[in-house]
Amino acid sequence: MVHKKPNLPTKICATCARPFAWRKKWARDWEAVRFCSDRCRANRSKGGG
């Protein structure tokens, strides 16, 4: 069974330029989140975004 999530805020990843949605673990610092994953954060200087 698939559950529809409510409309969550989204951002565009600074490295891969893909959209990513809010996660509970980012609740405290959502304004500062720029990357969709640890991989993108680690590769931020090599990426296309």
C-alpha atoms as a PDB file:
ATOM      1  CA  MET A   1       0.000   0.000   0.000  1.00  0.00           C
ATOM      2  CA  VAL A   2       1.372   3.390  -1.009  1.00  0.00           C
ATOM      3  CA  HIS A   3       0.782   6.352   1.272  1.00  0.00           C
ATOM      4  CA  LYS A   4       0.649   9.819  -0.232  1.00  0.00           C
ATOM      5  CA  LYS A   5       2.820  12.247   1.682  1.00  0.00           C
ATOM      6  CA  PRO A   6       1.424  15.681   2.388  1.00  0.00           C
ATOM      7  CA  ASN A   7       2.783  18.573   0.369  1.00  0.00           C
ATOM      8  CA  LEU A   8       6.312  18.888   1.723  1.00  0.00           C
ATOM      9  CA  PRO A   9       8.631  21.784   0.932  1.00  0.00           C
ATOM     10  CA  THR A  10      11.257  21.034  -1.698  1.00  0.00           C
ATOM     11  CA  LYS A  11      14.623  22.439  -2.716  1.00  0.00           C
ATOM     12  CA  ILE A  12      17.017  21.895  -5.621  1.00  0.00           C
ATOM     13  CA  CYS A  13      20.303  20.170  -4.782  1.00  0.00           C
ATOM     14  CA  ALA A  14      23.315  22.466  -5.274  1.00  0.00           C
ATOM     15  CA  THR A  15      25.368  19.596  -6.743  1.00  0.00           C
ATOM     16  CA  CYS A  16      23.084  17.444  -8.896  1.00  0.00           C
ATOM     17  CA  ALA A  17      20.302  20.010  -9.487  1.00  0.00           C
ATOM     18  CA  ARG A  18      17.607  17.455  -8.638  1.00  0.00           C
ATOM     19  CA  PRO A  19      14.660  18.335  -6.417  1.00  0.00           C
ATOM     20  CA  PHE A  20      14.531  16.867  -2.925  1.00  0.00           C
ATOM     21  CA  ALA A  21      11.861  17.052  -0.256  1.00  0.00           C
ATOM     22  CA  TRP A  22      11.920  18.020   3.406  1.00  0.00           C
ATOM     23  CA  ARG A  23      12.863  15.269   5.855  1.00  0.00           C
ATOM     24  CA  LYS A  24      12.216  15.161   9.563  1.00  0.00           C
ATOM     25  CA  LYS A  25      15.944  14.912  10.314  1.00  0.00           C
ATOM     26  CA  TRP A  26      16.387  18.304   8.591  1.00  0.00           C
ATOM     27  CA  ALA A  27      13.594  19.973  10.606  1.00  0.00           C
ATOM     28  CA  ARG A  28      15.932  22.073  12.768  1.00  0.00           C
ATOM     29  CA  ASP A  29      18.100  23.416   9.946  1.00  0.00           C
ATOM     30  CA  TRP A  30      16.012  23.137   6.765  1.00  0.00           C
ATOM     31  CA  GLU A  31      17.025  26.687   5.774  1.00  0.00           C
ATOM     32  CA  ALA A  32      20.708  25.642   5.733  1.00  0.00           C
ATOM     33  CA  VAL A  33      20.266  22.351   3.830  1.00  0.00           C
ATOM     34  CA  ARG A  34      21.718  22.621   0.294  1.00  0.00           C
ATOM     35  CA  PHE A  35      22.436  19.033  -0.734  1.00  0.00           C
ATOM     36  CA  CYS A  36      20.119  16.053  -1.227  1.00  0.00           C
ATOM     37  CA  SER A  37      22.569  13.482   0.141  1.00  0.00           C
ATOM     38  CA  ASP A  38      25.947  12.927   1.765  1.00  0.00           C
ATOM     39  CA  ARG A  39      27.267  11.886  -1.638  1.00  0.00           C
ATOM     40  CA  CYS A  40      26.309  15.233  -3.189  1.00  0.00           C
ATOM     41  CA  ARG A  41      27.711  17.097  -0.187  1.00  0.00           C
ATOM     42  CA  ALA A  42      31.038  15.268  -0.570  1.00  0.00           C
ATOM     43  CA  ASN A  43      31.144  15.909  -4.340  1.00  0.00           C
ATOM     44  CA  ARG A  44      29.994  19.528  -4.189  1.00  0.00           C
ATOM     45  CA  SER A  45      33.060  20.943  -5.954  1.00  0.00           C
ATOM     46  CA  LYS A  46      32.907  18.378  -8.781  1.00  0.00           C
ATOM     47  CA  GLY A  47      29.197  18.656  -9.559  1.00  0.00           C
ATOM     48  CA  GLY A  48      27.327  20.413 -12.287  1.00  0.00           C
ATOM     49  CA  GLY A  49      25.182  22.587 -10.013  1.00  0.00           C
END
